[in-house]
Amino acid sequence: DAHLIRNAGGIVTADVIRSLMISQRLLGTTEIILIQHDKCGLQDLAEEEFRAAVRADTGTEPDLPIGAFTDPAQSVRAGVKRIMESPLLPSGRNTRGFVFEHKTGRLREVTPAPGA
């Protein structure tokens, strides 16, 4: 069985770790695939400007990380690393990362950075 956890940007947040922990223990998940895509709204987002706009619209400072990034492959690498290093995820070592390329429709595997 496959289980999907989706969030804005495919960023590995504390809530994603929480959801994966639950998925592994309650649903028996043994493999994790992290997929982000190019042309994502968080790619090249000016995070401080975004925070300022939210603050201006709501009067409240966002207390959550937005997760803006410039390179989807690097963002995937960081997310895979966070999953694999989490002591809460016994199956975390069985994680692969991919970037979906809109132009080609290709799903490109992202390999870990050297020395990772």
PDB file of N, CA and C in Angstrom:
ATOM      1  N   ASP A   1       0.830  -1.184   0.000  1.00  0.00           N
ATOM      2  CA  ASP A   1       0.000   0.000   0.000  1.00  0.00           C
ATOM      3  C   ASP A   1       0.877   1.250   0.000  1.00  0.00           C
ATOM      4  N   ALA A   2       0.468   2.244  -0.730  1.00  0.00           N
ATOM      5  CA  ALA A   2       1.173   3.520  -0.771  1.00  0.00           C
ATOM      6  C   ALA A   2       0.392   4.542   0.042  1.00  0.00           C
ATOM      7  N   HIS A   3       1.100   5.399   0.718  1.00  0.00           N
ATOM      8  CA  HIS A   3       0.492   6.470   1.509  1.00  0.00           C
ATOM      9  C   HIS A   3       1.159   7.768   1.098  1.00  0.00           C
ATOM     10  N   LEU A   4       0.378   8.795   0.878  1.00  0.00           N
ATOM     11  CA  LEU A   4       0.886  10.070   0.393  1.00  0.00           C
ATOM     12  C   LEU A   4       0.762  11.132   1.475  1.00  0.00           C
ATOM     13  N   ILE A   5       1.868  11.838   1.696  1.00  0.00           N
ATOM     14  CA  ILE A   5       1.870  12.995   2.590  1.00  0.00           C
ATOM     15  C   ILE A   5       2.276  14.171   1.721  1.00  0.00           C
ATOM     16  N   ARG A   6       1.428  15.183   1.657  1.00  0.00           N
ATOM     17  CA  ARG A   6       1.688  16.299   0.758  1.00  0.00           C
ATOM     18  C   ARG A   6       1.667  17.607   1.530  1.00  0.00           C
ATOM     19  N   ASN A   7       2.602  18.495   1.172  1.00  0.00           N
ATOM     20  CA  ASN A   7       2.597  19.829   1.761  1.00  0.00           C
ATOM     21  C   ASN A   7       3.197  20.813   0.764  1.00  0.00           C
ATOM     22  N   ALA A   8       3.087  22.083   1.054  1.00  0.00           N
ATOM     23  CA  ALA A   8       3.595  23.115   0.159  1.00  0.00           C
ATOM     24  C   ALA A   8       5.106  22.997   0.015  1.00  0.00           C
ATOM     25  N   GLY A   9       5.578  22.828  -1.188  1.00  0.00           N
ATOM     26  CA  GLY A   9       7.001  22.779  -1.482  1.00  0.00           C
ATOM     27  C   GLY A   9       7.659  21.439  -1.262  1.00  0.00           C
ATOM     28  N   GLY A  10       6.945  20.481  -0.684  1.00  0.00           N
ATOM     29  CA  GLY A  10       7.561  19.195  -0.392  1.00  0.00           C
ATOM     30  C   GLY A  10       8.673  19.316   0.635  1.00  0.00           C
ATOM     31  N   ILE A  11       8.597  20.344   1.469  1.00  0.00           N
ATOM     32  CA  ILE A  11       9.625  20.621   2.461  1.00  0.00           C
ATOM     33  C   ILE A  11       9.456  19.673   3.652  1.00  0.00           C
ATOM     34  N   VAL A  12      10.559  19.103   4.121  1.00  0.00           N
ATOM     35  CA  VAL A  12      10.512  18.189   5.258  1.00  0.00           C
ATOM     36  C   VAL A  12      10.519  19.010   6.541  1.00  0.00           C
ATOM     37  N   THR A  13       9.326  19.236   7.050  1.00  0.00           N
ATOM     38  CA  THR A  13       9.123  20.004   8.280  1.00  0.00           C
ATOM     39  C   THR A  13       8.966  19.037   9.459  1.00  0.00           C
ATOM     40  N   ALA A  14       8.873  19.584  10.660  1.00  0.00           N
ATOM     41  CA  ALA A  14       8.620  18.755  11.842  1.00  0.00           C
ATOM     42  C   ALA A  14       7.304  17.996  11.681  1.00  0.00           C
ATOM     43  N   ASP A  15       6.302  18.605  11.047  1.00  0.00           N
ATOM     44  CA  ASP A  15       5.028  17.903  10.875  1.00  0.00           C
ATOM     45  C   ASP A  15       5.154  16.758   9.870  1.00  0.00           C
ATOM     46  N   VAL A  16       6.023  16.886   8.882  1.00  0.00           N
ATOM     47  CA  VAL A  16       6.256  15.779   7.946  1.00  0.00           C
ATOM     48  C   VAL A  16       6.913  14.624   8.696  1.00  0.00           C
ATOM     49  N   ILE A  17       7.913  14.917   9.527  1.00  0.00           N
ATOM     50  CA  ILE A  17       8.546  13.863  10.331  1.00  0.00           C
ATOM     51  C   ILE A  17       7.492  13.192  11.202  1.00  0.00           C
ATOM     52  N   ARG A  18       6.633  13.974  11.830  1.00  0.00           N
ATOM     53  CA  ARG A  18       5.545  13.438  12.652  1.00  0.00           C
ATOM     54  C   ARG A  18       4.637  12.530  11.844  1.00  0.00           C
ATOM     55  N   SER A  19       4.250  12.981  10.657  1.00  0.00           N
ATOM     56  CA  SER A  19       3.364  12.185   9.807  1.00  0.00           C
ATOM     57  C   SER A  19       4.040  10.896   9.341  1.00  0.00           C
ATOM     58  N   LEU A  20       5.325  10.968   9.015  1.00  0.00           N
ATOM     59  CA  LEU A  20       6.057   9.765   8.613  1.00  0.00           C
ATOM     60  C   LEU A  20       6.193   8.789   9.777  1.00  0.00           C
ATOM     61  N   MET A  21       6.423   9.319  10.957  1.00  0.00           N
ATOM     62  CA  MET A  21       6.520   8.483  12.158  1.00  0.00           C
ATOM     63  C   MET A  21       5.213   7.715  12.367  1.00  0.00           C
ATOM     64  N   ILE A  22       4.102   8.400  12.229  1.00  0.00           N
ATOM     65  CA  ILE A  22       2.790   7.766  12.374  1.00  0.00           C
ATOM     66  C   ILE A  22       2.575   6.748  11.259  1.00  0.00           C
ATOM     67  N   SER A  23       2.906   7.116  10.032  1.00  0.00           N
ATOM     68  CA  SER A  23       2.738   6.226   8.891  1.00  0.00           C
ATOM     69  C   SER A  23       3.540   4.935   9.075  1.00  0.00           C
ATOM     70  N   GLN A  24       4.771   5.058   9.557  1.00  0.00           N
ATOM     71  CA  GLN A  24       5.594   3.863   9.752  1.00  0.00           C
ATOM     72  C   GLN A  24       5.035   2.965  10.839  1.00  0.00           C
ATOM     73  N   ARG A  25       4.614   3.556  11.930  1.00  0.00           N
ATOM     74  CA  ARG A  25       4.183   2.745  13.058  1.00  0.00           C
ATOM     75  C   ARG A  25       2.752   2.229  12.934  1.00  0.00           C
ATOM     76  N   LEU A  26       1.864   3.015  12.365  1.00  0.00           N
ATOM     77  CA  LEU A  26       0.462   2.599  12.291  1.00  0.00           C
ATOM     78  C   LEU A  26       0.088   1.953  10.963  1.00  0.00           C
ATOM     79  N   LEU A  27       0.777   2.333   9.885  1.00  0.00           N
ATOM     80  CA  LEU A  27       0.421   1.821   8.565  1.00  0.00           C
ATOM     81  C   LEU A  27       1.475   0.880   7.983  1.00  0.00           C
ATOM     82  N   GLY A  28       2.594   0.740   8.658  1.00  0.00           N
ATOM     83  CA  GLY A  28       3.625  -0.185   8.210  1.00  0.00           C
ATOM     84  C   GLY A  28       4.480   0.307   7.058  1.00  0.00           C
ATOM     85  N   THR A  29       4.560   1.614   6.846  1.00  0.00           N
ATOM     86  CA  THR A  29       5.371   2.168   5.774  1.00  0.00           C
ATOM     87  C   THR A  29       6.835   1.788   5.991  1.00  0.00           C
ATOM     88  N   THR A  30       7.483   1.299   4.917  1.00  0.00           N
ATOM     89  CA  THR A  30       8.884   0.900   5.023  1.00  0.00           C
ATOM     90  C   THR A  30       9.782   1.630   4.029  1.00  0.00           C
ATOM     91  N   GLU A  31       9.207   2.352   3.096  1.00  0.00           N
ATOM     92  CA  GLU A  31       9.980   3.114   2.124  1.00  0.00           C
ATOM     93  C   GLU A  31       9.422   4.527   2.044  1.00  0.00           C
ATOM     94  N   ILE A  32      10.323   5.482   1.803  1.00  0.00           N
ATOM     95  CA  ILE A  32       9.918   6.879   1.689  1.00  0.00           C
ATOM     96  C   ILE A  32      10.472   7.429   0.384  1.00  0.00           C
ATOM     97  N   ILE A  33       9.623   8.087  -0.368  1.00  0.00           N
ATOM     98  CA  ILE A  33      10.040   8.767  -1.591  1.00  0.00           C
ATOM     99  C   ILE A  33       9.644  10.232  -1.444  1.00  0.00           C
ATOM    100  N   LEU A  34      10.638  11.106  -1.515  1.00  0.00           N
ATOM    101  CA  LEU A  34      10.418  12.545  -1.423  1.00  0.00           C
ATOM    102  C   LEU A  34      10.469  13.119  -2.837  1.00  0.00           C
ATOM    103  N   ILE A  35       9.401  13.795  -3.249  1.00  0.00           N
ATOM    104  CA  ILE A  35       9.344  14.376  -4.589  1.00  0.00           C
ATOM    105  C   ILE A  35       9.024  15.866  -4.475  1.00  0.00           C
ATOM    106  N   GLN A  36       9.845  16.677  -5.113  1.00  0.00           N
ATOM    107  CA  GLN A  36       9.555  18.091  -5.295  1.00  0.00           C
ATOM    108  C   GLN A  36       9.505  18.326  -6.806  1.00  0.00           C
ATOM    109  N   HIS A  37       9.137  19.515  -7.216  1.00  0.00           N
ATOM    110  CA  HIS A  37       9.086  19.779  -8.656  1.00  0.00           C
ATOM    111  C   HIS A  37       9.714  21.121  -8.971  1.00  0.00           C
ATOM    112  N   ASP A  38      10.174  21.248 -10.206  1.00  0.00           N
ATOM    113  CA  ASP A  38      10.690  22.544 -10.633  1.00  0.00           C
ATOM    114  C   ASP A  38       9.510  23.489 -10.828  1.00  0.00           C
ATOM    115  N   LYS A  39       9.770  24.756 -10.914  1.00  0.00           N
ATOM    116  CA  LYS A  39       8.746  25.791 -11.051  1.00  0.00           C
ATOM    117  C   LYS A  39       7.791  25.839  -9.848  1.00  0.00           C
ATOM    118  N   CYS A  40       8.284  25.397  -8.706  1.00  0.00           N
ATOM    119  CA  CYS A  40       7.501  25.418  -7.469  1.00  0.00           C
ATOM    120  C   CYS A  40       7.338  26.858  -6.995  1.00  0.00           C
ATOM    121  N   GLY A  41       6.228  27.171  -6.382  1.00  0.00           N
ATOM    122  CA  GLY A  41       5.995  28.519  -5.876  1.00  0.00           C
ATOM    123  C   GLY A  41       6.985  28.941  -4.796  1.00  0.00           C
ATOM    124  N   LEU A  42       7.572  27.975  -4.086  1.00  0.00           N
ATOM    125  CA  LEU A  42       8.553  28.309  -3.060  1.00  0.00           C
ATOM    126  C   LEU A  42       9.949  28.519  -3.645  1.00  0.00           C
ATOM    127  N   GLN A  43      10.135  28.087  -4.901  1.00  0.00           N
ATOM    128  CA  GLN A  43      11.434  28.260  -5.541  1.00  0.00           C
ATOM    129  C   GLN A  43      11.637  29.738  -5.850  1.00  0.00           C
ATOM    130  N   ASP A  44      12.715  30.272  -5.372  1.00  0.00           N
ATOM    131  CA  ASP A  44      13.085  31.673  -5.568  1.00  0.00           C
ATOM    132  C   ASP A  44      12.121  32.656  -4.890  1.00  0.00           C
ATOM    133  N   LEU A  45      11.317  32.185  -3.964  1.00  0.00           N
ATOM    134  CA  LEU A  45      10.436  33.067  -3.196  1.00  0.00           C
ATOM    135  C   LEU A  45      11.283  33.934  -2.266  1.00  0.00           C
ATOM    136  N   ALA A  46      11.013  35.209  -2.238  1.00  0.00           N
ATOM    137  CA  ALA A  46      11.692  36.114  -1.308  1.00  0.00           C
ATOM    138  C   ALA A  46      11.009  35.953   0.050  1.00  0.00           C
ATOM    139  N   GLU A  47      11.599  35.116   0.884  1.00  0.00           N
ATOM    140  CA  GLU A  47      10.949  34.722   2.129  1.00  0.00           C
ATOM    141  C   GLU A  47      10.657  35.903   3.052  1.00  0.00           C
ATOM    142  N   GLU A  48      11.585  36.818   3.187  1.00  0.00           N
ATOM    143  CA  GLU A  48      11.354  37.961   4.077  1.00  0.00           C
ATOM    144  C   GLU A  48      10.239  38.865   3.542  1.00  0.00           C
ATOM    145  N   GLU A  49      10.181  39.052   2.236  1.00  0.00           N
ATOM    146  CA  GLU A  49       9.085  39.836   1.641  1.00  0.00           C
ATOM    147  C   GLU A  49       7.751  39.125   1.856  1.00  0.00           C
ATOM    148  N   PHE A  50       7.750  37.812   1.718  1.00  0.00           N
ATOM    149  CA  PHE A  50       6.532  37.030   1.937  1.00  0.00           C
ATOM    150  C   PHE A  50       6.064  37.177   3.383  1.00  0.00           C
ATOM    151  N   ARG A  51       7.007  37.053   4.318  1.00  0.00           N
ATOM    152  CA  ARG A  51       6.672  37.216   5.733  1.00  0.00           C
ATOM    153  C   ARG A  51       6.110  38.613   6.016  1.00  0.00           C
ATOM    154  N   ALA A  52       6.729  39.624   5.395  1.00  0.00           N
ATOM    155  CA  ALA A  52       6.266  41.005   5.580  1.00  0.00           C
ATOM    156  C   ALA A  52       4.846  41.169   5.039  1.00  0.00           C
ATOM    157  N   ALA A  53       4.546  40.537   3.919  1.00  0.00           N
ATOM    158  CA  ALA A  53       3.200  40.628   3.344  1.00  0.00           C
ATOM    159  C   ALA A  53       2.169  39.954   4.250  1.00  0.00           C
ATOM    160  N   VAL A  54       2.507  38.802   4.802  1.00  0.00           N
ATOM    161  CA  VAL A  54       1.597  38.120   5.732  1.00  0.00           C
ATOM    162  C   VAL A  54       1.376  39.001   6.968  1.00  0.00           C
ATOM    163  N   ARG A  55       2.471  39.548   7.482  1.00  0.00           N
ATOM    164  CA  ARG A  55       2.383  40.421   8.669  1.00  0.00           C
ATOM    165  C   ARG A  55       1.503  41.639   8.380  1.00  0.00           C
ATOM    166  N   ALA A  56       1.670  42.252   7.191  1.00  0.00           N
ATOM    167  CA  ALA A  56       0.881  43.427   6.824  1.00  0.00           C
ATOM    168  C   ALA A  56      -0.599  43.066   6.664  1.00  0.00           C
ATOM    169  N   ASP A  57      -0.871  41.897   6.101  1.00  0.00           N
ATOM    170  CA  ASP A  57      -2.263  41.481   5.864  1.00  0.00           C
ATOM    171  C   ASP A  57      -2.975  41.029   7.130  1.00  0.00           C
ATOM    172  N   THR A  58      -2.219  40.417   8.051  1.00  0.00           N
ATOM    173  CA  THR A  58      -2.865  39.786   9.201  1.00  0.00           C
ATOM    174  C   THR A  58      -2.539  40.428  10.540  1.00  0.00           C
ATOM    175  N   GLY A  59      -1.460  41.214  10.578  1.00  0.00           N
ATOM    176  CA  GLY A  59      -1.013  41.779  11.845  1.00  0.00           C
ATOM    177  C   GLY A  59      -0.298  40.768  12.721  1.00  0.00           C
ATOM    178  N   THR A  60      -0.002  39.612  12.165  1.00  0.00           N
ATOM    179  CA  THR A  60       0.652  38.539  12.925  1.00  0.00           C
ATOM    180  C   THR A  60       1.917  38.096  12.217  1.00  0.00           C
ATOM    181  N   GLU A  61       2.974  37.920  12.999  1.00  0.00           N
ATOM    182  CA  GLU A  61       4.244  37.417  12.468  1.00  0.00           C
ATOM    183  C   GLU A  61       4.148  35.898  12.311  1.00  0.00           C
ATOM    184  N   PRO A  62       4.399  35.362  11.101  1.00  0.00           N
ATOM    185  CA  PRO A  62       4.394  33.906  10.946  1.00  0.00           C
ATOM    186  C   PRO A  62       5.494  33.284  11.816  1.00  0.00           C
ATOM    187  N   ASP A  63       5.128  32.313  12.634  1.00  0.00           N
ATOM    188  CA  ASP A  63       6.118  31.677  13.502  1.00  0.00           C
ATOM    189  C   ASP A  63       6.570  30.327  12.954  1.00  0.00           C
ATOM    190  N   LEU A  64       6.271  30.093  11.686  1.00  0.00           N
ATOM    191  CA  LEU A  64       6.654  28.848  11.026  1.00  0.00           C
ATOM    192  C   LEU A  64       7.654  29.128   9.926  1.00  0.00           C
ATOM    193  N   PRO A  65       8.556  28.193   9.668  1.00  0.00           N
ATOM    194  CA  PRO A  65       9.454  28.386   8.522  1.00  0.00           C
ATOM    195  C   PRO A  65       8.657  28.299   7.221  1.00  0.00           C
ATOM    196  N   ILE A  66       8.954  29.172   6.283  1.00  0.00           N
ATOM    197  CA  ILE A  66       8.264  29.167   4.991  1.00  0.00           C
ATOM    198  C   ILE A  66       8.893  28.112   4.086  1.00  0.00           C
ATOM    199  N   GLY A  67      10.213  28.029   4.088  1.00  0.00           N
ATOM    200  CA  GLY A  67      10.900  26.980   3.338  1.00  0.00           C
ATOM    201  C   GLY A  67      11.288  27.343   1.927  1.00  0.00           C
ATOM    202  N   ALA A  68      11.443  28.627   1.626  1.00  0.00           N
ATOM    203  CA  ALA A  68      11.853  29.035   0.281  1.00  0.00           C
ATOM    204  C   ALA A  68      13.200  28.414  -0.069  1.00  0.00           C
ATOM    205  N   PHE A  69      13.405  28.138  -1.352  1.00  0.00           N
ATOM    206  CA  PHE A  69      14.661  27.551  -1.815  1.00  0.00           C
ATOM    207  C   PHE A  69      14.949  28.021  -3.231  1.00  0.00           C
ATOM    208  N   THR A  70      16.175  27.853  -3.681  1.00  0.00           N
ATOM    209  CA  THR A  70      16.537  28.252  -5.041  1.00  0.00           C
ATOM    210  C   THR A  70      16.754  27.054  -5.950  1.00  0.00           C
ATOM    211  N   ASP A  71      17.211  25.942  -5.404  1.00  0.00           N
ATOM    212  CA  ASP A  71      17.552  24.764  -6.197  1.00  0.00           C
ATOM    213  C   ASP A  71      16.729  23.576  -5.720  1.00  0.00           C
ATOM    214  N   PRO A  72      15.781  23.086  -6.530  1.00  0.00           N
ATOM    215  CA  PRO A  72      14.945  21.967  -6.085  1.00  0.00           C
ATOM    216  C   PRO A  72      15.757  20.721  -5.725  1.00  0.00           C
ATOM    217  N   ALA A  73      16.801  20.425  -6.485  1.00  0.00           N
ATOM    218  CA  ALA A  73      17.603  19.234  -6.192  1.00  0.00           C
ATOM    219  C   ALA A  73      18.269  19.362  -4.826  1.00  0.00           C
ATOM    220  N   GLN A  74      18.793  20.531  -4.525  1.00  0.00           N
ATOM    221  CA  GLN A  74      19.431  20.732  -3.222  1.00  0.00           C
ATOM    222  C   GLN A  74      18.397  20.665  -2.102  1.00  0.00           C
ATOM    223  N   SER A  75      17.205  21.181  -2.353  1.00  0.00           N
ATOM    224  CA  SER A  75      16.142  21.115  -1.362  1.00  0.00           C
ATOM    225  C   SER A  75      15.757  19.659  -1.095  1.00  0.00           C
ATOM    226  N   VAL A  76      15.681  18.857  -2.150  1.00  0.00           N
ATOM    227  CA  VAL A  76      15.384  17.422  -1.993  1.00  0.00           C
ATOM    228  C   VAL A  76      16.502  16.757  -1.192  1.00  0.00           C
ATOM    229  N   ARG A  77      17.755  17.050  -1.534  1.00  0.00           N
ATOM    230  CA  ARG A  77      18.882  16.462  -0.790  1.00  0.00           C
ATOM    231  C   ARG A  77      18.772  16.769   0.708  1.00  0.00           C
ATOM    232  N   ALA A  78      18.462  18.025   1.020  1.00  0.00           N
ATOM    233  CA  ALA A  78      18.342  18.429   2.427  1.00  0.00           C
ATOM    234  C   ALA A  78      17.198  17.686   3.113  1.00  0.00           C
ATOM    235  N   GLY A  79      16.079  17.533   2.403  1.00  0.00           N
ATOM    236  CA  GLY A  79      14.935  16.814   2.971  1.00  0.00           C
ATOM    237  C   GLY A  79      15.224  15.343   3.187  1.00  0.00           C
ATOM    238  N   VAL A  80      15.860  14.707   2.216  1.00  0.00           N
ATOM    239  CA  VAL A  80      16.218  13.290   2.349  1.00  0.00           C
ATOM    240  C   VAL A  80      17.172  13.115   3.531  1.00  0.00           C
ATOM    241  N   LYS A  81      18.129  14.010   3.649  1.00  0.00           N
ATOM    242  CA  LYS A  81      19.086  13.936   4.759  1.00  0.00           C
ATOM    243  C   LYS A  81      18.368  14.044   6.100  1.00  0.00           C
ATOM    244  N   ARG A  82      17.431  14.977   6.182  1.00  0.00           N
ATOM    245  CA  ARG A  82      16.688  15.152   7.441  1.00  0.00           C
ATOM    246  C   ARG A  82      15.895  13.895   7.797  1.00  0.00           C
ATOM    247  N   ILE A  83      15.270  13.285   6.808  1.00  0.00           N
ATOM    248  CA  ILE A  83      14.518  12.051   7.038  1.00  0.00           C
ATOM    249  C   ILE A  83      15.468  10.933   7.478  1.00  0.00           C
ATOM    250  N   MET A  84      16.553  10.763   6.741  1.00  0.00           N
ATOM    251  CA  MET A  84      17.475   9.672   7.021  1.00  0.00           C
ATOM    252  C   MET A  84      18.150   9.810   8.384  1.00  0.00           C
ATOM    253  N   GLU A  85      18.335  11.036   8.840  1.00  0.00           N
ATOM    254  CA  GLU A  85      19.003  11.265  10.120  1.00  0.00           C
ATOM    255  C   GLU A  85      18.040  11.306  11.301  1.00  0.00           C
ATOM    256  N   SER A  86      16.738  11.252  11.046  1.00  0.00           N
ATOM    257  CA  SER A  86      15.784  11.329  12.144  1.00  0.00           C
ATOM    258  C   SER A  86      15.783  10.037  12.952  1.00  0.00           C
ATOM    259  N   PRO A  87      16.026  10.135  14.256  1.00  0.00           N
ATOM    260  CA  PRO A  87      15.973   8.935  15.092  1.00  0.00           C
ATOM    261  C   PRO A  87      14.551   8.409  15.277  1.00  0.00           C
ATOM    262  N   LEU A  88      13.562   9.192  14.862  1.00  0.00           N
ATOM    263  CA  LEU A  88      12.157   8.787  15.010  1.00  0.00           C
ATOM    264  C   LEU A  88      11.667   7.906  13.868  1.00  0.00           C
ATOM    265  N   LEU A  89      12.484   7.779  12.803  1.00  0.00           N
ATOM    266  CA  LEU A  89      12.057   7.063  11.599  1.00  0.00           C
ATOM    267  C   LEU A  89      12.952   5.858  11.340  1.00  0.00           C
ATOM    268  N   PRO A  90      12.579   4.692  11.855  1.00  0.00           N
ATOM    269  CA  PRO A  90      13.430   3.516  11.672  1.00  0.00           C
ATOM    270  C   PRO A  90      13.618   3.120  10.206  1.00  0.00           C
ATOM    271  N   SER A  91      12.674   3.453   9.357  1.00  0.00           N
ATOM    272  CA  SER A  91      12.815   3.139   7.928  1.00  0.00           C
ATOM    273  C   SER A  91      13.348   4.332   7.139  1.00  0.00           C
ATOM    274  N   GLY A  92      13.799   5.365   7.819  1.00  0.00           N
ATOM    275  CA  GLY A  92      14.285   6.570   7.158  1.00  0.00           C
ATOM    276  C   GLY A  92      15.464   6.332   6.245  1.00  0.00           C
ATOM    277  N   ARG A  93      16.292   5.336   6.561  1.00  0.00           N
ATOM    278  CA  ARG A  93      17.453   5.049   5.708  1.00  0.00           C
ATOM    279  C   ARG A  93      17.012   4.557   4.337  1.00  0.00           C
ATOM    280  N   ASN A  94      15.786   4.107   4.224  1.00  0.00           N
ATOM    281  CA  ASN A  94      15.243   3.613   2.963  1.00  0.00           C
ATOM    282  C   ASN A  94      14.458   4.744   2.282  1.00  0.00           C
ATOM    283  N   THR A  95      15.153   5.853   2.018  1.00  0.00           N
ATOM    284  CA  THR A  95      14.533   7.055   1.449  1.00  0.00           C
ATOM    285  C   THR A  95      15.235   7.437   0.157  1.00  0.00           C
ATOM    286  N   ARG A  96      14.453   7.789  -0.848  1.00  0.00           N
ATOM    287  CA  ARG A  96      14.983   8.282  -2.128  1.00  0.00           C
ATOM    288  C   ARG A  96      14.317   9.605  -2.439  1.00  0.00           C
ATOM    289  N   GLY A  97      15.027  10.461  -3.188  1.00  0.00           N
ATOM    290  CA  GLY A  97      14.501  11.766  -3.533  1.00  0.00           C
ATOM    291  C   GLY A  97      14.481  11.991  -5.040  1.00  0.00           C
ATOM    292  N   PHE A  98      13.489  12.759  -5.500  1.00  0.00           N
ATOM    293  CA  PHE A  98      13.307  13.019  -6.921  1.00  0.00           C
ATOM    294  C   PHE A  98      12.845  14.454  -7.146  1.00  0.00           C
ATOM    295  N   VAL A  99      13.127  14.956  -8.358  1.00  0.00           N
ATOM    296  CA  VAL A  99      12.575  16.237  -8.812  1.00  0.00           C
ATOM    297  C   VAL A  99      11.778  15.944 -10.071  1.00  0.00           C
ATOM    298  N   PHE A 100      10.517  16.358 -10.076  1.00  0.00           N
ATOM    299  CA  PHE A 100       9.682  16.252 -11.278  1.00  0.00           C
ATOM    300  C   PHE A 100       9.962  17.466 -12.146  1.00  0.00           C
ATOM    301  N   GLU A 101      10.322  17.220 -13.416  1.00  0.00           N
ATOM    302  CA  GLU A 101      10.626  18.292 -14.361  1.00  0.00           C
ATOM    303  C   GLU A 101       9.419  18.529 -15.257  1.00  0.00           C
ATOM    304  N   HIS A 102       8.782  19.684 -15.098  1.00  0.00           N
ATOM    305  CA  HIS A 102       7.570  19.997 -15.859  1.00  0.00           C
ATOM    306  C   HIS A 102       7.779  19.925 -17.368  1.00  0.00           C
ATOM    307  N   LYS A 103       8.857  20.495 -17.857  1.00  0.00           N
ATOM    308  CA  LYS A 103       9.075  20.591 -19.306  1.00  0.00           C
ATOM    309  C   LYS A 103       9.154  19.217 -19.973  1.00  0.00           C
ATOM    310  N   THR A 104       9.827  18.280 -19.320  1.00  0.00           N
ATOM    311  CA  THR A 104      10.028  16.951 -19.923  1.00  0.00           C
ATOM    312  C   THR A 104       9.060  15.903 -19.389  1.00  0.00           C
ATOM    313  N   GLY A 105       8.441  16.176 -18.247  1.00  0.00           N
ATOM    314  CA  GLY A 105       7.586  15.182 -17.610  1.00  0.00           C
ATOM    315  C   GLY A 105       8.405  14.086 -16.940  1.00  0.00           C
ATOM    316  N   ARG A 106       9.689  14.327 -16.826  1.00  0.00           N
ATOM    317  CA  ARG A 106      10.617  13.335 -16.281  1.00  0.00           C
ATOM    318  C   ARG A 106      10.725  13.458 -14.763  1.00  0.00           C
ATOM    319  N   LEU A 107      10.837  12.319 -14.122  1.00  0.00           N
ATOM    320  CA  LEU A 107      11.084  12.261 -12.693  1.00  0.00           C
ATOM    321  C   LEU A 107      12.567  11.909 -12.540  1.00  0.00           C
ATOM    322  N   ARG A 108      13.367  12.885 -12.098  1.00  0.00           N
ATOM    323  CA  ARG A 108      14.829  12.727 -12.033  1.00  0.00           C
ATOM    324  C   ARG A 108      15.239  12.437 -10.602  1.00  0.00           C
ATOM    325  N   GLU A 109      15.931  11.295 -10.413  1.00  0.00           N
ATOM    326  CA  GLU A 109      16.397  10.966  -9.064  1.00  0.00           C
ATOM    327  C   GLU A 109      17.539  11.889  -8.672  1.00  0.00           C
ATOM    328  N   VAL A 110      17.505  12.308  -7.424  1.00  0.00           N
ATOM    329  CA  VAL A 110      18.535  13.182  -6.863  1.00  0.00           C
ATOM    330  C   VAL A 110      19.392  12.330  -5.959  1.00  0.00           C
ATOM    331  N   THR A 111      20.670  12.274  -6.262  1.00  0.00           N
ATOM    332  CA  THR A 111      21.575  11.475  -5.441  1.00  0.00           C
ATOM    333  C   THR A 111      22.086  12.328  -4.278  1.00  0.00           C
ATOM    334  N   PRO A 112      22.451  11.672  -3.189  1.00  0.00           N
ATOM    335  CA  PRO A 112      22.979  12.433  -2.054  1.00  0.00           C
ATOM    336  C   PRO A 112      24.243  13.189  -2.430  1.00  0.00           C
ATOM    337  N   ALA A 113      24.493  14.266  -1.736  1.00  0.00           N
ATOM    338  CA  ALA A 113      25.721  15.050  -1.969  1.00  0.00           C
ATOM    339  C   ALA A 113      26.913  14.195  -1.571  1.00  0.00           C
ATOM    340  N   PRO A 114      28.048  14.374  -2.230  1.00  0.00           N
ATOM    341  CA  PRO A 114      29.243  13.621  -1.856  1.00  0.00           C
ATOM    342  C   PRO A 114      29.556  13.793  -0.371  1.00  0.00           C
ATOM    343  N   GLY A 115      29.884  12.698   0.269  1.00  0.00           N
ATOM    344  CA  GLY A 115      30.208  12.736   1.693  1.00  0.00           C
ATOM    345  C   GLY A 115      29.005  12.745   2.602  1.00  0.00           C
ATOM    346  N   ALA A 116      27.787  12.701   2.029  1.00  0.00           N
ATOM    347  CA  ALA A 116      26.573  12.749   2.862  1.00  0.00           C
ATOM    348  C   ALA A 116      26.200  11.364   3.351  1.00  0.00           C
TER     349      ALA A 116
END
